[in-house]
Amino acid sequence: MESVAILNPKLQVTGISQKTGLARIADQDILCGSVTINAPRFDIFDPRNADYVLVRVNAFSCNYRDKALIVRAAEKMEAQEDAQPFAFFGSDFVGTVKAVGSNVSDLRAGMRVIPDCAYPYISSCGVAAGVVTNEASRGWLRLHRAKLLPIPDSMSDEIAASYSIGSQTSYSMVRRTDVKEGDKALVLSARSNTSMFIMKALLAHGVDVTAVSTSSWTEEEKSHFQSVHFIEAPRIQRDWDSDTSSLIREKFFDELFDPYYDLHLPFVLKYLKPDGRYITCGFKNQHDSFVEDADISGSDRFDNLLLSAMINDISIIGNCIGTHEDIVESIKRFTPHNWLPIDSVWSVSDGASFLYRTYSDKRRFGKAVLRYTQE
């Protein structure tokens, strides 16, 4: 099959069928191309494959965490620190099972599957918890059975390819903040993919959701999140401007969901009720080139954080992905007609455009997906 990869501009690479161009991410040019990857040999009778599954990727997408990995891979190639001719990327995918080992009874050839990124706990001894792969674009994956979940026919490949990490994380955050129907929740950086997953999860639990973002939403975009209250606000420094602050203060919140703690802590805690819960699942500046002048800085942040949390009896919760039960619950509640928007779908020849749309095009709304040609 033809698979998308980051190409090493310093090496002449055999097996590349087409260079698809450059994508600019942060301050780094990413050279993309397609690479021919043959199906690996998978002996179903080999004891080493007993608990494993061979999957052919139908489509994949990237998460924010992949951005730094992609940039670092390209930097190493450019600096000739990495002799690899190409690198694969991507952590969300949907694939078709092609073969299963002798101990695998709940999956069979022809089933569509997505990753189960359960963290920090996993039921199978000796299997690493967390993200299933950082190389979904490879196209062929040999994975432990415990790291895969079958999906319903009602879930399209495009949705499934962008589903696992966002849904598992959002349902974990909703569970861990112990939200109740009728609670008031504030969601920050609302146009990020993670926050859109969180909003869908909160709405499914009957929560009154307010969403803050630095850019405006069209009426069509808002229609995907009916009953959410939208506030457009400038990037917070030590507080929002008075107009934004007044809008948010009109209703103090039971929970505050933040995908990028380094953008907002500790200055948003004052918008929580006493006994409120703040939860975060990530940070923006995962690479030096991602830092912007508008980002919060200051040595007093830690003192302000603890003081605000202590005085107001606020719980601060860190969250990394979620449990197996979280993604199972998400799939149970999934309805195809009320899910997150898919921004765009790309093909193998569009690798550079796909990466640019994913990370550099501010017009993107929802996840970009790259779909492989089916056999």
Protein backbone atom coordinates (compact mmCIF):
# COMPACT_ATOMS: atom_id res chain seq x y z
CA MET A 1 0.00 0.00 0.00
CA GLU A 2 1.01 3.64 -0.40
CA SER A 3 1.52 5.28 3.00
CA VAL A 4 2.19 8.89 3.99
CA ALA A 5 5.51 9.72 5.64
CA ILE A 6 7.80 12.58 6.59
CA LEU A 7 10.78 12.43 4.22
CA ASN A 8 14.39 13.11 5.08
CA PRO A 9 15.50 15.91 2.73
CA LYS A 10 19.15 14.97 3.28
CA LEU A 11 18.80 11.42 1.92
CA GLN A 12 17.98 9.90 -1.43
CA VAL A 13 15.21 7.47 -0.59
CA THR A 14 14.23 4.46 -2.64
CA GLY A 15 10.62 3.28 -2.53
CA ILE A 16 9.07 6.74 -2.59
CA SER A 17 6.45 6.95 -5.27
CA GLN A 18 5.66 10.64 -4.93
CA LYS A 19 6.78 13.70 -3.01
CA THR A 20 3.70 15.59 -1.94
CA GLY A 21 5.32 18.88 -0.94
CA LEU A 22 6.16 20.95 2.11
CA ALA A 23 4.00 21.78 5.11
CA ARG A 24 5.04 24.62 7.38
CA ILE A 25 4.41 23.80 11.05
CA ALA A 26 5.55 26.39 13.60
CA ASP A 27 9.00 27.36 12.23
CA GLN A 28 9.73 24.03 10.57
CA ASP A 29 9.27 22.84 7.00
CA ILE A 30 7.97 19.26 6.86
CA LEU A 31 8.71 17.37 3.62
CA CYS A 32 5.99 14.82 2.90
CA GLY A 33 5.78 11.93 0.49
CA SER A 34 4.22 8.54 -0.08
CA VAL A 35 6.11 5.33 0.65
CA THR A 36 5.29 1.82 -0.53
CA ILE A 37 4.72 -0.44 2.49
CA ASN A 38 4.15 -4.13 1.88
CA ALA A 39 1.90 -6.19 4.14
CA PRO A 40 4.05 -7.73 6.89
CA ARG A 41 4.19 -11.48 7.28
CA PHE A 42 1.83 -12.52 10.08
CA ASP A 43 1.82 -16.24 10.91
CA ILE A 44 -1.37 -16.95 12.87
CA PHE A 45 0.18 -20.14 14.25
CA ASP A 46 3.31 -18.44 15.56
CA PRO A 47 3.13 -18.31 19.40
CA ARG A 48 4.62 -14.80 19.28
CA ASN A 49 1.48 -13.65 17.46
CA ALA A 50 -0.96 -15.50 19.72
CA ASP A 51 -2.35 -12.32 21.35
CA TYR A 52 -1.77 -9.99 18.41
CA VAL A 53 -3.79 -8.62 15.53
CA LEU A 54 -2.71 -7.44 12.08
CA VAL A 55 -4.54 -4.27 11.08
CA ARG A 56 -4.59 -2.38 7.80
CA VAL A 57 -5.26 1.32 8.43
CA ASN A 58 -8.26 2.73 6.58
CA ALA A 59 -7.82 6.33 7.73
CA PHE A 60 -5.97 8.26 10.42
CA SER A 61 -5.70 11.68 12.04
CA CYS A 62 -3.28 13.58 14.24
CA ASN A 63 -3.71 14.96 17.74
CA TYR A 64 -2.06 17.99 19.29
CA ARG A 65 0.52 15.75 21.00
CA ASP A 66 1.70 14.59 17.55
CA LYS A 67 2.64 18.12 16.54
CA ALA A 68 5.83 18.22 18.64
CA LEU A 69 6.76 14.68 17.56
CA ILE A 70 6.45 15.63 13.89
CA VAL A 71 8.47 18.83 14.29
CA ARG A 72 11.22 17.06 16.25
CA ALA A 73 11.45 14.30 13.64
CA ALA A 74 11.88 16.88 10.86
CA GLU A 75 14.43 18.86 12.90
CA LYS A 76 16.56 15.74 13.45
CA MET A 77 16.47 14.91 9.75
CA GLU A 78 17.44 18.45 8.77
CA ALA A 79 20.29 18.51 11.28
CA GLN A 80 21.42 15.06 10.09
CA GLU A 81 20.99 13.74 13.63
CA ASP A 82 18.72 10.97 12.35
CA ALA A 83 19.74 8.74 9.47
CA GLN A 84 16.24 7.41 8.93
CA PRO A 85 15.03 8.09 5.37
CA PHE A 86 11.45 8.69 6.50
CA ALA A 87 9.25 8.74 9.59
CA PHE A 88 5.62 7.89 10.15
CA PHE A 89 3.21 9.82 12.36
CA GLY A 90 -0.34 9.98 13.72
CA SER A 91 -1.99 8.50 16.83
CA ASP A 92 -5.69 8.12 15.95
CA PHE A 93 -6.84 5.63 13.32
CA VAL A 94 -9.46 3.21 12.13
CA GLY A 95 -8.43 -0.01 10.49
CA THR A 96 -9.65 -3.36 9.23
CA VAL A 97 -8.52 -6.55 10.90
CA LYS A 98 -6.64 -8.74 8.41
CA ALA A 99 -5.47 -11.57 10.68
CA VAL A 100 -5.62 -12.57 14.35
CA GLY A 101 -3.44 -14.76 16.56
CA SER A 102 -4.57 -18.05 18.05
CA ASN A 103 -5.61 -16.59 21.43
CA VAL A 104 -7.76 -13.80 19.95
CA SER A 105 -11.43 -14.78 20.10
CA ASP A 106 -13.31 -11.47 20.15
CA LEU A 107 -11.88 -9.99 16.95
CA ARG A 108 -11.89 -11.51 13.48
CA ALA A 109 -10.80 -10.65 9.96
CA GLY A 110 -13.00 -7.99 8.38
CA MET A 111 -13.88 -6.16 11.62
CA ARG A 112 -13.19 -2.44 11.86
CA VAL A 113 -11.26 -1.37 14.97
CA ILE A 114 -9.97 1.76 16.69
CA PRO A 115 -7.28 2.20 19.38
CA ASP A 116 -8.03 1.71 23.07
CA CYS A 117 -5.52 4.08 24.68
CA ALA A 118 -6.47 3.16 28.27
CA TYR A 119 -4.19 4.90 30.78
CA PRO A 120 -2.84 4.47 33.40
CA TYR A 121 -4.47 1.07 33.91
CA ILE A 122 -4.73 -1.77 31.41
CA SER A 123 -6.09 -5.26 31.99
CA SER A 124 -3.41 -7.23 30.12
CA CYS A 125 -0.16 -7.89 31.96
CA GLY A 126 2.95 -6.82 30.10
CA VAL A 127 1.12 -4.50 27.69
CA ALA A 128 2.03 -0.82 27.82
CA ALA A 129 -0.76 1.57 28.81
CA GLY A 130 -1.53 4.73 26.85
CA VAL A 131 -1.34 5.75 23.21
CA VAL A 132 -1.40 2.71 20.92
CA THR A 133 0.88 4.06 18.18
CA ASN A 134 2.67 7.21 17.09
CA GLU A 135 2.92 5.80 13.55
CA ALA A 136 -0.64 5.35 12.31
CA SER A 137 0.38 6.63 8.88
CA ARG A 138 2.52 3.48 8.42
CA GLY A 139 -0.64 1.76 7.20
CA TRP A 140 0.09 -1.73 8.54
CA LEU A 141 0.08 -2.25 12.32
CA ARG A 142 0.68 -5.33 14.46
CA LEU A 143 -1.03 -4.62 17.78
CA HIS A 144 -1.93 -6.44 20.97
CA ARG A 145 -5.56 -7.42 21.12
CA ALA A 146 -6.01 -5.43 24.39
CA LYS A 147 -5.22 -2.20 22.52
CA LEU A 148 -8.11 -2.46 20.03
CA LEU A 149 -11.87 -1.96 20.13
CA PRO A 150 -14.47 -2.93 17.50
CA ILE A 151 -16.78 -0.13 16.39
CA PRO A 152 -20.43 -0.07 15.32
CA ASP A 153 -21.42 0.05 11.66
CA SER A 154 -23.01 3.45 12.31
CA MET A 155 -19.58 5.03 12.87
CA SER A 156 -18.02 6.12 9.58
CA ASP A 157 -14.32 5.67 8.90
CA GLU A 158 -13.86 9.45 8.97
CA ILE A 159 -15.36 9.76 12.46
CA ALA A 160 -13.64 6.61 13.72
CA ALA A 161 -10.24 7.83 12.48
CA SER A 162 -10.51 10.87 14.74
CA TYR A 163 -12.30 9.32 17.72
CA SER A 164 -10.25 7.43 20.29
CA ILE A 165 -8.00 9.86 22.16
CA GLY A 166 -10.51 12.72 22.19
CA SER A 167 -13.46 10.64 23.34
CA GLN A 168 -11.47 8.62 25.90
CA THR A 169 -9.96 11.81 27.35
CA SER A 170 -13.20 13.79 27.47
CA TYR A 171 -15.23 11.03 29.11
CA SER A 172 -12.47 10.55 31.68
CA MET A 173 -12.50 14.27 32.50
CA VAL A 174 -16.29 14.31 32.86
CA ARG A 175 -16.15 11.25 35.13
CA ARG A 176 -13.33 12.54 37.29
CA THR A 177 -14.94 15.93 37.89
CA ASP A 178 -18.11 14.13 39.00
CA VAL A 179 -20.40 16.33 36.91
CA LYS A 180 -24.11 16.29 37.66
CA GLU A 181 -27.02 17.12 35.41
CA GLY A 182 -27.63 20.86 35.63
CA ASP A 183 -24.06 21.73 36.62
CA LYS A 184 -22.47 24.79 35.02
CA ALA A 185 -19.19 24.11 33.22
CA LEU A 186 -16.71 26.46 31.55
CA VAL A 187 -14.69 25.06 28.62
CA LEU A 188 -11.56 26.95 27.54
CA SER A 189 -9.88 27.01 24.11
CA ALA A 190 -13.23 25.82 22.84
CA ARG A 191 -12.27 25.48 19.17
CA SER A 192 -9.55 22.95 19.97
CA ASN A 193 -10.47 19.38 19.09
CA THR A 194 -10.14 18.26 22.71
CA SER A 195 -12.52 20.95 23.93
CA MET A 196 -15.09 20.07 21.29
CA PHE A 197 -14.99 16.47 22.50
CA ILE A 198 -15.42 17.73 26.06
CA MET A 199 -18.41 19.86 25.11
CA LYS A 200 -20.13 16.90 23.44
CA ALA A 201 -19.51 14.76 26.52
CA LEU A 202 -20.85 17.45 28.85
CA LEU A 203 -23.97 17.98 26.76
CA ALA A 204 -24.61 14.23 26.83
CA HIS A 205 -24.64 14.48 30.63
CA GLY A 206 -27.10 17.39 30.76
CA VAL A 207 -24.58 20.08 31.75
CA ASP A 208 -25.01 23.82 31.14
CA VAL A 209 -21.91 24.59 29.03
CA THR A 210 -20.20 27.92 28.39
CA ALA A 211 -17.38 27.91 25.82
CA VAL A 212 -14.62 30.53 25.54
CA SER A 213 -12.38 30.92 22.49
CA THR A 214 -10.23 33.64 20.97
CA SER A 215 -11.96 33.41 17.59
CA SER A 216 -15.58 33.77 16.57
CA TRP A 217 -17.99 30.97 15.64
CA THR A 218 -20.35 31.04 12.69
CA GLU A 219 -23.97 30.11 13.23
CA GLU A 220 -23.37 26.88 11.32
CA GLU A 221 -20.46 26.00 13.61
CA LYS A 222 -22.54 26.76 16.70
CA SER A 223 -25.27 24.45 15.41
CA HIS A 224 -23.02 21.46 16.15
CA PHE A 225 -23.18 22.37 19.85
CA GLN A 226 -26.76 23.41 20.45
CA SER A 227 -27.47 25.02 23.86
CA VAL A 228 -23.79 25.91 24.44
CA HIS A 229 -23.18 29.58 25.38
CA PHE A 230 -20.31 30.99 23.31
CA ILE A 231 -17.99 33.82 24.39
CA GLU A 232 -15.28 35.26 22.14
CA ALA A 233 -12.42 36.61 24.21
CA PRO A 234 -8.86 37.84 23.68
CA ARG A 235 -5.99 35.66 24.90
CA ILE A 236 -5.96 35.84 28.70
CA GLN A 237 -2.94 37.46 30.32
CA ARG A 238 -3.58 38.01 34.03
CA ASP A 239 -7.28 38.32 33.37
CA TRP A 240 -9.67 38.77 30.51
CA ASP A 241 -10.82 42.25 29.59
CA SER A 242 -13.62 43.69 31.71
CA ASP A 243 -16.39 42.86 29.21
CA THR A 244 -15.37 39.22 28.98
CA SER A 245 -14.82 38.97 32.70
CA SER A 246 -18.32 40.36 33.36
CA LEU A 247 -19.92 37.86 30.98
CA ILE A 248 -18.19 34.95 32.66
CA ARG A 249 -18.83 36.20 36.20
CA GLU A 250 -22.58 36.23 35.51
CA LYS A 251 -22.54 32.55 36.39
CA PHE A 252 -19.85 30.99 38.49
CA PHE A 253 -18.99 27.47 37.46
CA ASP A 254 -18.97 24.07 39.09
CA GLU A 255 -16.32 22.74 36.71
CA LEU A 256 -13.68 24.27 34.47
CA PHE A 257 -12.18 22.23 31.61
CA ASP A 258 -8.85 23.35 30.18
CA PRO A 259 -6.86 21.57 27.43
CA TYR A 260 -3.84 23.92 27.87
CA TYR A 261 -2.99 24.68 31.47
CA ASP A 262 0.01 26.82 30.48
CA LEU A 263 -2.33 29.30 28.80
CA HIS A 264 -4.78 29.81 31.63
CA LEU A 265 -3.59 28.79 35.08
CA PRO A 266 -3.85 30.18 37.69
CA PHE A 267 -5.91 33.17 36.60
CA VAL A 268 -9.12 31.35 35.70
CA LEU A 269 -9.67 29.69 39.08
CA LYS A 270 -11.57 32.71 40.40
CA TYR A 271 -14.42 31.89 38.04
CA LEU A 272 -15.13 28.65 39.92
CA LYS A 273 -17.58 28.30 42.76
CA PRO A 274 -16.25 27.24 46.16
CA ASP A 275 -15.64 23.48 46.01
CA GLY A 276 -15.33 23.81 42.22
CA ARG A 277 -13.19 21.48 40.12
CA TYR A 278 -10.55 22.55 37.61
CA ILE A 279 -9.28 19.82 35.28
CA THR A 280 -6.64 19.93 32.56
CA CYS A 281 -5.34 17.34 30.11
CA GLY A 282 -2.42 19.05 28.41
CA PHE A 283 -0.27 22.05 27.65
CA LYS A 284 0.31 24.17 24.56
CA ASN A 285 4.04 24.75 24.50
CA GLN A 286 5.27 21.20 23.94
CA HIS A 287 8.08 22.52 21.76
CA ASP A 288 10.10 25.75 22.02
CA SER A 289 8.83 26.95 18.65
CA PHE A 290 5.21 26.86 19.86
CA VAL A 291 5.75 29.69 22.39
CA GLU A 292 4.08 33.02 21.53
CA ASP A 293 4.48 36.50 22.98
CA ALA A 294 0.91 36.38 24.30
CA ASP A 295 1.54 33.29 26.44
CA ILE A 296 1.37 33.75 30.19
CA SER A 297 4.65 33.96 32.04
CA GLY A 298 5.65 34.99 35.52
CA SER A 299 7.37 33.57 38.57
CA ASP A 300 4.36 34.22 40.81
CA ARG A 301 2.10 31.75 39.01
CA PHE A 302 2.65 28.89 41.45
CA ASP A 303 1.95 31.03 44.52
CA ASN A 304 -1.20 32.46 42.93
CA LEU A 305 -2.35 29.00 41.96
CA LEU A 306 -2.08 27.50 45.44
CA LEU A 307 -3.49 30.58 47.14
CA SER A 308 -6.56 30.66 44.90
CA ALA A 309 -7.13 26.92 45.25
CA MET A 310 -6.75 27.01 49.04
CA ILE A 311 -8.98 30.02 49.73
CA ASN A 312 -11.80 28.73 47.54
CA ASP A 313 -11.52 25.00 48.36
CA ILE A 314 -10.92 24.27 44.69
CA SER A 315 -9.74 20.88 43.44
CA ILE A 316 -7.12 20.89 40.68
CA ILE A 317 -7.09 17.68 38.68
CA GLY A 318 -4.63 16.47 36.07
CA ASN A 319 -5.94 14.01 33.51
CA CYS A 320 -4.09 11.82 31.02
CA ILE A 321 -6.33 10.02 28.52
CA GLY A 322 -8.78 7.68 30.35
CA THR A 323 -9.83 4.15 31.16
CA HIS A 324 -11.15 1.35 28.96
CA GLU A 325 -14.57 1.98 30.51
CA ASP A 326 -14.45 5.65 29.47
CA ILE A 327 -14.16 4.90 25.76
CA VAL A 328 -16.72 2.08 26.00
CA GLU A 329 -19.17 4.53 27.60
CA SER A 330 -18.44 7.06 24.85
CA ILE A 331 -19.20 4.49 22.13
CA LYS A 332 -22.45 3.54 23.89
CA ARG A 333 -23.56 7.18 23.74
CA PHE A 334 -22.37 7.73 20.17
CA THR A 335 -24.94 8.90 17.64
CA PRO A 336 -23.72 9.61 14.10
CA HIS A 337 -26.08 12.53 13.51
CA ASN A 338 -24.96 14.45 16.59
CA TRP A 339 -21.21 14.09 16.55
CA LEU A 340 -18.23 16.34 16.02
CA PRO A 341 -17.73 17.89 12.58
CA ILE A 342 -15.06 16.44 10.31
CA ASP A 343 -13.20 19.40 8.83
CA SER A 344 -11.81 17.72 5.73
CA VAL A 345 -10.75 14.40 4.21
CA TRP A 346 -7.47 14.00 2.31
CA SER A 347 -5.76 11.32 0.22
CA VAL A 348 -2.18 9.99 0.14
CA SER A 349 -1.10 12.56 -2.44
CA ASP A 350 -2.29 15.33 -0.10
CA GLY A 351 0.08 14.57 2.82
CA ALA A 352 1.55 18.07 3.05
CA SER A 353 -1.85 19.75 2.71
CA PHE A 354 -3.26 17.43 5.36
CA LEU A 355 -0.54 18.39 7.87
CA TYR A 356 -0.87 22.09 7.08
CA ARG A 357 -4.63 21.94 7.57
CA THR A 358 -4.23 20.01 10.82
CA TYR A 359 -1.75 22.34 12.50
CA SER A 360 -1.36 25.64 10.65
CA ASP A 361 -4.68 26.59 9.03
CA LYS A 362 -6.76 28.62 11.46
CA ARG A 363 -9.86 28.02 9.35
CA ARG A 364 -9.94 24.36 10.38
CA PHE A 365 -13.05 23.37 12.35
CA GLY A 366 -12.95 19.80 13.60
CA LYS A 367 -10.38 17.20 12.69
CA ALA A 368 -8.70 16.70 9.34
CA VAL A 369 -8.57 13.04 8.30
CA LEU A 370 -6.33 11.29 5.79
CA ARG A 371 -7.95 8.30 4.12
CA TYR A 372 -6.08 5.46 2.44
CA THR A 373 -7.20 3.72 -0.74
CA GLN A 374 -8.98 0.50 0.10
CA GLU A 375 -7.96 -2.81 -1.43
